[in-house]
Amino acid sequence: MRSAADRRLADARGHVAEAKALALLILKGYRPLARRFRAAGGEIDLIMARGATIAFIEVKARGDMDAALAAISAEKRVRFSRAARAWLARNPWAARRTLRADAVFVARGRWPRHLAAAFEIEGL
C-alpha cells in the first residue's frame, strides 16, 4: 500500500502531465470543455473539442513511453467509458458530434504523444 506522501507525489505528477497534455492539445487546435471529470465511478482527465469532434482524453505519465502506452487497462477503459456516458447524459448537445477516446502519453524528457482514437468508448 502506498503512503500518503507517495499518493500526493503521484497526484502532483499527474497534474503536471495533464497540464502538458492540455498545452499540446491547445497547440493542435483543441479547446477544453472539462478537466478531471468524475462520474459513475470513473474519471476523464480532459474533455476537448475540435471542430465537430469531442475527444475524451486519458493522460498517462510513466518513466518511459512504452510503459505509458501499456498503462490503459481493460478495467480503466470500462470506468472511462462509464464516465464518458455520464458526461454525455449531462451534455446532450454533444451527441450530435463525433465522439472519440484519445490518449496522451507523457514520458520524462519526451514531447507528449497524442494518439487519436486510442480505444473505443464502450456502450456508445
Protein backbone atom coordinates (compact mmCIF):
# COMPACT_ATOMS: atom_id res chain seq x y z
CA MET A 1 0.00 0.00 0.00
CA ARG A 2 1.32 3.43 -0.94
CA SER A 3 1.91 6.04 1.73
CA ALA A 4 0.07 9.36 1.79
CA ALA A 5 3.26 11.10 0.65
CA ASP A 6 3.58 8.73 -2.34
CA ARG A 7 -0.05 9.36 -3.30
CA ARG A 8 0.45 13.15 -3.09
CA LEU A 9 3.57 12.91 -5.26
CA ALA A 10 1.77 10.75 -7.84
CA ASP A 11 -1.15 13.19 -7.86
CA ALA A 12 1.22 16.13 -8.40
CA ARG A 13 2.92 14.30 -11.27
CA GLY A 14 -0.50 13.61 -12.76
CA HIS A 15 -1.39 17.31 -12.64
CA VAL A 16 1.87 18.21 -14.39
CA ALA A 17 1.28 15.55 -17.07
CA GLU A 18 -2.29 16.80 -17.61
CA ALA A 19 -1.03 20.38 -17.96
CA LYS A 20 1.48 19.25 -20.60
CA ALA A 21 -1.22 17.30 -22.43
CA LEU A 22 -3.58 20.28 -22.28
CA ALA A 23 -0.90 22.60 -23.72
CA LEU A 24 -0.15 20.14 -26.54
CA LEU A 25 -3.82 19.78 -27.46
CA ILE A 26 -4.44 23.54 -27.40
CA LEU A 27 -1.49 23.95 -29.76
CA LYS A 28 -3.17 21.39 -32.03
CA GLY A 29 -6.37 23.47 -32.11
CA TYR A 30 -8.46 21.77 -29.42
CA ARG A 31 -10.41 23.75 -26.85
CA PRO A 32 -11.01 22.48 -23.32
CA LEU A 33 -14.52 21.57 -22.17
CA ALA A 34 -13.68 19.87 -18.85
CA ARG A 35 -10.74 18.74 -16.71
CA ARG A 36 -10.73 15.82 -14.30
CA PHE A 37 -14.39 14.98 -14.88
CA ARG A 38 -15.56 12.37 -12.36
CA ALA A 39 -18.79 10.41 -12.54
CA ALA A 40 -20.15 6.88 -12.43
CA GLY A 41 -17.03 5.53 -10.74
CA GLY A 42 -14.68 6.77 -13.44
CA GLU A 43 -12.62 9.80 -14.37
CA ILE A 44 -11.76 11.51 -17.63
CA ASP A 45 -8.62 13.61 -17.45
CA LEU A 46 -9.53 16.06 -20.23
CA ILE A 47 -12.55 16.58 -22.46
CA MET A 48 -11.65 18.64 -25.53
CA ALA A 49 -13.41 19.85 -28.67
CA ARG A 50 -12.01 20.46 -32.13
CA GLY A 51 -14.35 21.15 -34.99
CA ALA A 52 -17.19 18.62 -34.88
CA THR A 53 -15.23 16.23 -32.64
CA ILE A 54 -15.42 15.76 -28.88
CA ALA A 55 -12.33 13.95 -27.59
CA PHE A 56 -12.34 12.28 -24.19
CA ILE A 57 -8.67 12.21 -23.22
CA GLU A 58 -6.85 9.76 -20.95
CA VAL A 59 -3.45 11.10 -19.88
CA LYS A 60 -0.80 8.58 -18.82
CA ALA A 61 2.57 9.60 -17.39
CA ARG A 62 5.23 6.97 -16.95
CA GLY A 63 9.01 6.76 -16.78
CA ASP A 64 9.23 5.80 -20.45
CA MET A 65 6.93 5.86 -23.44
CA ASP A 66 6.49 2.06 -23.66
CA ALA A 67 5.23 1.94 -20.07
CA ALA A 68 2.85 4.83 -20.77
CA LEU A 69 1.47 3.08 -23.86
CA ALA A 70 0.74 -0.10 -21.89
CA ALA A 71 -0.91 1.70 -18.95
CA ILE A 72 -4.54 1.82 -20.15
CA SER A 73 -6.00 -1.43 -18.84
CA ALA A 74 -9.33 -3.01 -19.78
CA GLU A 75 -10.70 -2.07 -16.35
CA LYS A 76 -9.62 1.55 -16.87
CA ARG A 77 -11.37 1.62 -20.27
CA VAL A 78 -14.63 0.39 -18.67
CA ARG A 79 -14.55 3.10 -15.96
CA PHE A 80 -13.53 5.74 -18.54
CA SER A 81 -16.44 4.73 -20.82
CA ARG A 82 -18.90 4.91 -17.92
CA ALA A 83 -17.73 8.45 -17.13
CA ALA A 84 -17.94 9.45 -20.81
CA ARG A 85 -21.55 8.24 -20.99
CA ALA A 86 -22.34 10.22 -17.81
CA TRP A 87 -20.80 13.39 -19.31
CA LEU A 88 -22.83 12.88 -22.49
CA ALA A 89 -26.03 12.47 -20.45
CA ARG A 90 -25.32 15.88 -18.85
CA ASN A 91 -24.38 17.44 -22.21
CA PRO A 92 -26.90 16.09 -24.75
CA TRP A 93 -25.82 18.64 -27.38
CA ALA A 94 -22.56 16.68 -27.74
CA ALA A 95 -24.31 13.53 -29.00
CA ARG A 96 -24.55 15.14 -32.46
CA ARG A 97 -20.75 15.35 -32.62
CA THR A 98 -18.09 12.79 -33.49
CA LEU A 99 -17.03 11.16 -30.21
CA ARG A 100 -13.58 9.72 -29.64
CA ALA A 101 -11.47 8.27 -26.83
CA ASP A 102 -7.95 9.66 -27.23
CA ALA A 103 -4.84 9.25 -25.13
CA VAL A 104 -1.87 11.47 -24.44
CA PHE A 105 1.24 9.70 -23.23
CA VAL A 106 3.78 11.68 -21.25
CA ALA A 107 7.27 10.40 -20.53
CA ARG A 108 10.15 12.22 -18.87
CA GLY A 109 12.34 14.06 -21.35
CA ARG A 110 10.00 13.44 -24.29
CA TRP A 111 7.41 15.56 -26.06
CA PRO A 112 3.90 14.24 -25.16
CA ARG A 113 2.39 11.89 -27.73
CA HIS A 114 -1.27 12.29 -28.72
CA LEU A 115 -2.97 9.18 -30.03
CA ALA A 116 -6.38 9.89 -31.58
CA ALA A 117 -8.97 7.11 -31.24
CA ALA A 118 -6.70 5.19 -28.87
CA PHE A 119 -9.56 2.90 -27.79
CA GLU A 120 -13.32 2.53 -28.10
CA ILE A 121 -15.81 4.15 -25.76
CA GLU A 122 -17.91 1.19 -24.65
CA GLY A 123 -21.66 1.50 -24.87
CA LEU A 124 -21.84 4.24 -27.49
